[in-house]
C-alpha cells in the first residue's frame, strides 16, 4: 500500500520532530514536508499535495486556522488535524471541517486515533461516490466527477495518472491505488500501471510477452499482464 502523504506545520522545532517520528513509524503514513509558519503551510501544500495536514494553531505570519481556510480553497478534500496547547480554538477548527483537534502534549495513541479518523472519513466518501458510479478527481485546479461508464482505462505515467474517457484524457496527481479504491467491480487492475473498464473492452490481443486491450471508438490501448489475462477473461465472460 502506498502511504498517505502528511504535511506538518508547527513553529516549535521540537514538536515537529516528535510528530515526524511518530508518523514515520506508522507504515500507512509518510511525512512529505514540515513547515514553521502559515505561509509555508500554504505553499508546501500546493507543492506536495498531501492527503493530510497536521498543524498547530498559533504560528507566525499566518495562524493555522487562517492558513487552512486558504488551502481548502484549492484542495477541498484535504484532511486536517489541529494540534494546539489551547482548547479555545477547537470550535473554530471544527467549523472548517477539521477531522480532529488534539491538545498538547501529543500522545502517540491519541495521534494515531486522529489519523484513523481521516481514513474513516475517506471510506465514507468512497462508498458514497461508488454508489453514484462516478469517479472524483482533481484536474487543473478543478474537481471532476466522471461517470464510470465513460472511462476506458486509467494509466499511471510517472507521478501522474491519465484517465482516458469518452470526453478526452484527464491528468491527475491522485495515486493509482487511491483511484482503484474509488471504482467498482467493473474495473480491474490489469497491469501495475493500468486499470481497465471491463465493460468497455471490445477485444484483447497478444503482444509479445503481454496483452493489449482495445476499446470502441478509442485509439489508445491498455496493457494486460500475462499473469492477469485469465482472470480478466473470466470476469468479462461472467
Protein backbone atom coordinates (compact mmCIF):
# COMPACT_ATOMS: atom_id res chain seq x y z
CA UNK A 1 0.00 0.00 0.00
CA UNK A 2 1.28 3.47 -0.89
CA UNK A 3 1.47 5.55 2.34
CA UNK A 4 -0.70 8.62 2.81
CA UNK A 5 1.25 11.86 2.48
CA UNK A 6 1.31 14.05 5.60
CA UNK A 7 2.40 17.68 5.94
CA UNK A 8 3.31 19.03 9.39
CA UNK A 9 3.23 22.68 10.49
CA UNK A 10 4.40 23.98 13.88
CA UNK A 11 6.67 26.87 14.86
CA UNK A 12 8.27 24.75 17.61
CA UNK A 13 11.00 22.55 16.16
CA UNK A 14 10.84 20.00 18.99
CA UNK A 15 7.10 19.48 18.37
CA UNK A 16 7.75 18.99 14.66
CA UNK A 17 10.44 16.41 15.35
CA UNK A 18 8.24 14.41 17.73
CA UNK A 19 5.31 14.40 15.29
CA UNK A 20 7.57 13.39 12.42
CA UNK A 21 8.98 10.44 14.37
CA UNK A 22 5.50 9.29 15.45
CA UNK A 23 4.10 9.45 11.91
CA UNK A 24 7.04 7.95 10.05
CA UNK A 25 6.92 4.98 12.44
CA UNK A 26 3.44 4.17 11.14
CA UNK A 27 3.55 2.18 7.85
CA UNK A 28 0.43 3.85 6.41
CA UNK A 29 1.75 7.42 6.62
CA UNK A 30 4.75 9.38 5.38
CA UNK A 31 5.80 12.95 6.22
CA UNK A 32 6.47 14.78 2.95
CA UNK A 33 7.04 18.28 4.32
CA UNK A 34 7.49 20.22 7.57
CA UNK A 35 6.67 23.94 7.96
CA UNK A 36 7.20 26.56 10.66
CA UNK A 37 4.59 29.17 9.67
CA UNK A 38 1.30 29.62 7.85
CA UNK A 39 2.78 30.87 4.59
CA UNK A 40 4.98 27.78 4.29
CA UNK A 41 1.94 25.61 5.05
CA UNK A 42 0.05 27.12 2.10
CA UNK A 43 2.93 26.99 -0.40
CA UNK A 44 4.05 23.48 0.58
CA UNK A 45 0.52 22.12 0.43
CA UNK A 46 0.27 23.39 -3.14
CA UNK A 47 3.68 21.88 -3.93
CA UNK A 48 3.49 18.47 -2.23
CA UNK A 49 -0.29 17.89 -2.37
CA UNK A 50 -0.52 15.98 0.94
CA UNK A 51 -3.51 13.85 1.90
CA UNK A 52 -3.40 15.09 5.49
CA UNK A 53 -2.18 18.27 7.21
CA UNK A 54 -1.39 18.32 10.92
CA UNK A 55 -0.94 21.89 12.08
CA UNK A 56 -0.52 24.00 15.17
CA UNK A 57 -2.95 26.90 15.58
CA UNK A 58 -0.70 29.70 16.85
CA UNK A 59 2.06 30.27 14.28
CA UNK A 60 3.91 33.32 12.91
CA UNK A 61 2.83 35.27 9.81
CA UNK A 62 -0.49 33.43 9.46
CA UNK A 63 -2.11 31.19 12.06
CA UNK A 64 -3.06 27.59 11.38
CA UNK A 65 -6.80 28.16 11.04
CA UNK A 66 -6.48 31.02 8.56
CA UNK A 67 -3.88 29.07 6.59
CA UNK A 68 -6.21 26.07 6.32
CA UNK A 69 -9.06 28.31 5.17
CA UNK A 70 -6.87 29.40 2.25
CA UNK A 71 -5.65 25.87 1.50
CA UNK A 72 -9.20 24.48 1.35
CA UNK A 73 -9.94 26.89 -1.50
CA UNK A 74 -7.67 24.86 -3.80
CA UNK A 75 -7.60 21.44 -2.09
CA UNK A 76 -11.10 20.86 -0.78
CA UNK A 77 -10.67 17.17 0.03
CA UNK A 78 -7.70 17.75 2.37
CA UNK A 79 -7.99 16.12 5.81
CA UNK A 80 -6.89 18.42 8.64
CA UNK A 81 -5.89 17.69 12.23
CA UNK A 82 -5.16 20.63 14.53
CA UNK A 83 -2.65 20.33 17.37
CA UNK A 84 -2.57 23.11 19.97
CA UNK A 85 -1.67 23.92 23.53
CA UNK A 86 -5.05 25.67 23.91
CA UNK A 87 -8.65 24.41 23.98
CA UNK A 88 -10.14 27.75 22.97
CA UNK A 89 -9.73 27.31 19.20
CA UNK A 90 -11.48 23.93 18.94
CA UNK A 91 -14.90 25.28 17.91
CA UNK A 92 -13.39 27.42 15.17
CA UNK A 93 -11.30 24.46 13.97
CA UNK A 94 -14.33 22.18 13.65
CA UNK A 95 -16.21 24.95 11.84
CA UNK A 96 -13.80 24.49 8.93
CA UNK A 97 -14.32 20.70 8.93
CA UNK A 98 -11.26 19.64 10.91
CA UNK A 99 -11.16 15.88 11.38
CA UNK A 100 -9.80 16.22 14.92
CA UNK A 101 -8.33 18.66 17.45
CA UNK A 102 -5.57 17.44 19.77
CA UNK A 103 -4.43 19.36 22.84
CA UNK A 104 -0.69 19.24 23.51
CA UNK A 105 1.28 17.36 24.70
CA UNK A 106 0.52 14.87 21.92
CA UNK A 107 0.38 11.21 22.92
CA UNK A 108 1.11 8.54 20.32
CA UNK A 109 -2.19 6.69 20.79
CA UNK A 110 -4.16 9.95 20.52
CA UNK A 111 -2.38 10.92 17.29
CA UNK A 112 -2.96 7.51 15.71
CA UNK A 113 -6.64 7.68 16.68
CA UNK A 114 -6.91 11.04 14.90
CA UNK A 115 -5.20 9.63 11.80
CA UNK A 116 -7.64 6.73 11.80
CA UNK A 117 -10.50 9.25 11.76
CA UNK A 118 -9.16 10.66 8.49
CA UNK A 119 -9.42 7.19 6.96
CA UNK A 120 -12.94 6.62 8.30
CA UNK A 121 -13.95 9.88 6.62
CA UNK A 122 -12.26 8.73 3.40
CA UNK A 123 -14.07 5.39 3.47
CA UNK A 124 -17.46 7.09 3.83
CA UNK A 125 -16.69 9.35 0.86
CA UNK A 126 -15.55 6.39 -1.26
CA UNK A 127 -18.73 4.42 -0.51
CA UNK A 128 -20.83 7.46 -1.41
CA UNK A 129 -19.07 8.00 -4.76
CA UNK A 130 -19.22 4.31 -5.64
CA UNK A 131 -22.98 4.32 -5.12
CA UNK A 132 -23.24 7.27 -7.52
CA UNK A 133 -20.96 5.45 -10.02
CA UNK A 134 -18.78 8.50 -10.55
CA UNK A 135 -15.01 8.92 -10.19
CA UNK A 136 -13.97 12.13 -8.40
CA UNK A 137 -10.53 13.59 -9.10
CA UNK A 138 -8.70 16.94 -9.34
CA UNK A 139 -7.67 18.25 -12.78
CA UNK A 140 -6.09 21.67 -13.40
CA UNK A 141 -7.41 23.05 -10.11
CA UNK A 142 -10.99 21.85 -10.69
CA UNK A 143 -12.87 18.87 -9.27
CA UNK A 144 -14.27 16.43 -11.84
CA UNK A 145 -16.85 13.68 -11.45
CA UNK A 146 -16.69 11.28 -14.41
CA UNK A 147 -19.34 8.53 -14.80
CA UNK A 148 -17.80 5.08 -14.57
CA UNK A 149 -19.36 4.13 -17.91
CA UNK A 150 -17.40 6.93 -19.67
CA UNK A 151 -13.99 5.65 -18.56
CA UNK A 152 -11.95 3.41 -20.88
CA UNK A 153 -8.89 2.93 -18.70
CA UNK A 154 -6.56 4.67 -16.27
CA UNK A 155 -2.83 4.77 -16.91
CA UNK A 156 -0.03 5.58 -14.47
CA UNK A 157 2.52 7.89 -16.13
CA UNK A 158 5.33 8.95 -13.81
CA UNK A 159 3.87 10.85 -10.86
CA UNK A 160 0.57 11.41 -12.69
CA UNK A 161 -2.35 9.25 -13.72
CA UNK A 162 -4.03 9.65 -17.12
CA UNK A 163 -7.77 8.99 -17.09
CA UNK A 164 -8.85 8.09 -20.64
CA UNK A 165 -12.56 8.78 -21.14
CA UNK A 166 -15.17 9.34 -23.85
CA UNK A 167 -14.76 13.08 -23.20
CA UNK A 168 -10.97 13.03 -23.58
CA UNK A 169 -7.93 12.36 -21.40
CA UNK A 170 -7.53 13.98 -17.99
CA UNK A 171 -4.39 14.21 -15.86
CA UNK A 172 -4.37 13.95 -12.08
CA UNK A 173 -1.79 13.55 -9.33
CA UNK A 174 -4.03 11.11 -7.46
CA UNK A 175 -2.34 7.75 -6.84
CA UNK A 176 -3.46 4.83 -9.00
CA UNK A 177 -4.09 2.80 -5.82
CA UNK A 178 -6.34 5.55 -4.46
CA UNK A 179 -8.30 5.77 -7.74
CA UNK A 180 -8.72 1.99 -7.75
CA UNK A 181 -10.37 2.14 -4.33
CA UNK A 182 -12.98 4.60 -5.68
CA UNK A 183 -14.04 2.32 -8.55
CA UNK A 184 -16.44 -0.62 -8.58
CA UNK A 185 -16.21 -4.23 -9.77
CA UNK A 186 -16.42 -3.17 -13.43
CA UNK A 187 -12.78 -2.08 -13.15
CA UNK A 188 -9.71 -4.28 -12.87
CA UNK A 189 -6.02 -3.62 -12.22
CA UNK A 190 -4.80 -5.33 -15.39
CA UNK A 191 -1.19 -4.23 -15.03
CA UNK A 192 0.84 -2.42 -12.39
CA UNK A 193 0.23 0.81 -14.31
CA UNK A 194 -3.24 0.23 -15.85
CA UNK A 195 -6.81 -0.04 -14.57
CA UNK A 196 -9.26 -1.13 -17.29
CA UNK A 197 -13.03 -0.79 -17.51
CA UNK A 198 -14.06 -4.36 -18.36
CA UNK A 199 -17.41 -3.23 -19.75
CA UNK A 200 -15.75 -1.05 -22.42
CA UNK A 201 -13.24 -3.59 -23.77
CA UNK A 202 -14.18 -4.84 -27.27
CA UNK A 203 -11.22 -7.16 -27.88
CA UNK A 204 -7.88 -8.32 -26.48
CA UNK A 205 -4.87 -9.49 -28.46
CA UNK A 206 -1.42 -10.81 -27.51
CA UNK A 207 1.66 -8.64 -27.98
CA UNK A 208 5.00 -10.35 -27.25
CA UNK A 209 5.02 -11.16 -23.52
CA UNK A 210 1.89 -9.18 -22.71
CA UNK A 211 -1.65 -8.49 -23.95
CA UNK A 212 -3.35 -5.35 -25.23
CA UNK A 213 -6.97 -4.31 -24.57
CA UNK A 214 -8.81 -2.23 -27.17
CA UNK A 215 -11.92 -0.07 -26.79
CA UNK A 216 -14.70 1.03 -29.11
CA UNK A 217 -14.09 4.38 -30.88
CA UNK A 218 -10.86 4.98 -28.96
CA UNK A 219 -7.38 4.85 -30.49
CA UNK A 220 -5.36 4.03 -27.36
CA UNK A 221 -4.91 0.59 -25.82
CA UNK A 222 -4.31 -0.66 -22.29
CA UNK A 223 -1.81 -3.27 -21.14
CA UNK A 224 -2.76 -6.55 -19.52
CA UNK A 225 -0.18 -8.62 -17.67
CA UNK A 226 0.06 -12.25 -18.77
CA UNK A 227 -0.50 -13.11 -15.09
CA UNK A 228 -3.87 -11.34 -15.17
CA UNK A 229 -5.23 -12.38 -18.59
CA UNK A 230 -7.14 -15.49 -17.48
CA UNK A 231 -8.79 -13.64 -14.60
CA UNK A 232 -9.84 -10.80 -16.90
CA UNK A 233 -11.27 -13.21 -19.48
CA UNK A 234 -13.32 -14.92 -16.78
CA UNK A 235 -14.63 -11.59 -15.48
CA UNK A 236 -15.62 -10.40 -18.97
CA UNK A 237 -17.43 -13.67 -19.75
CA UNK A 238 -19.28 -13.83 -16.41
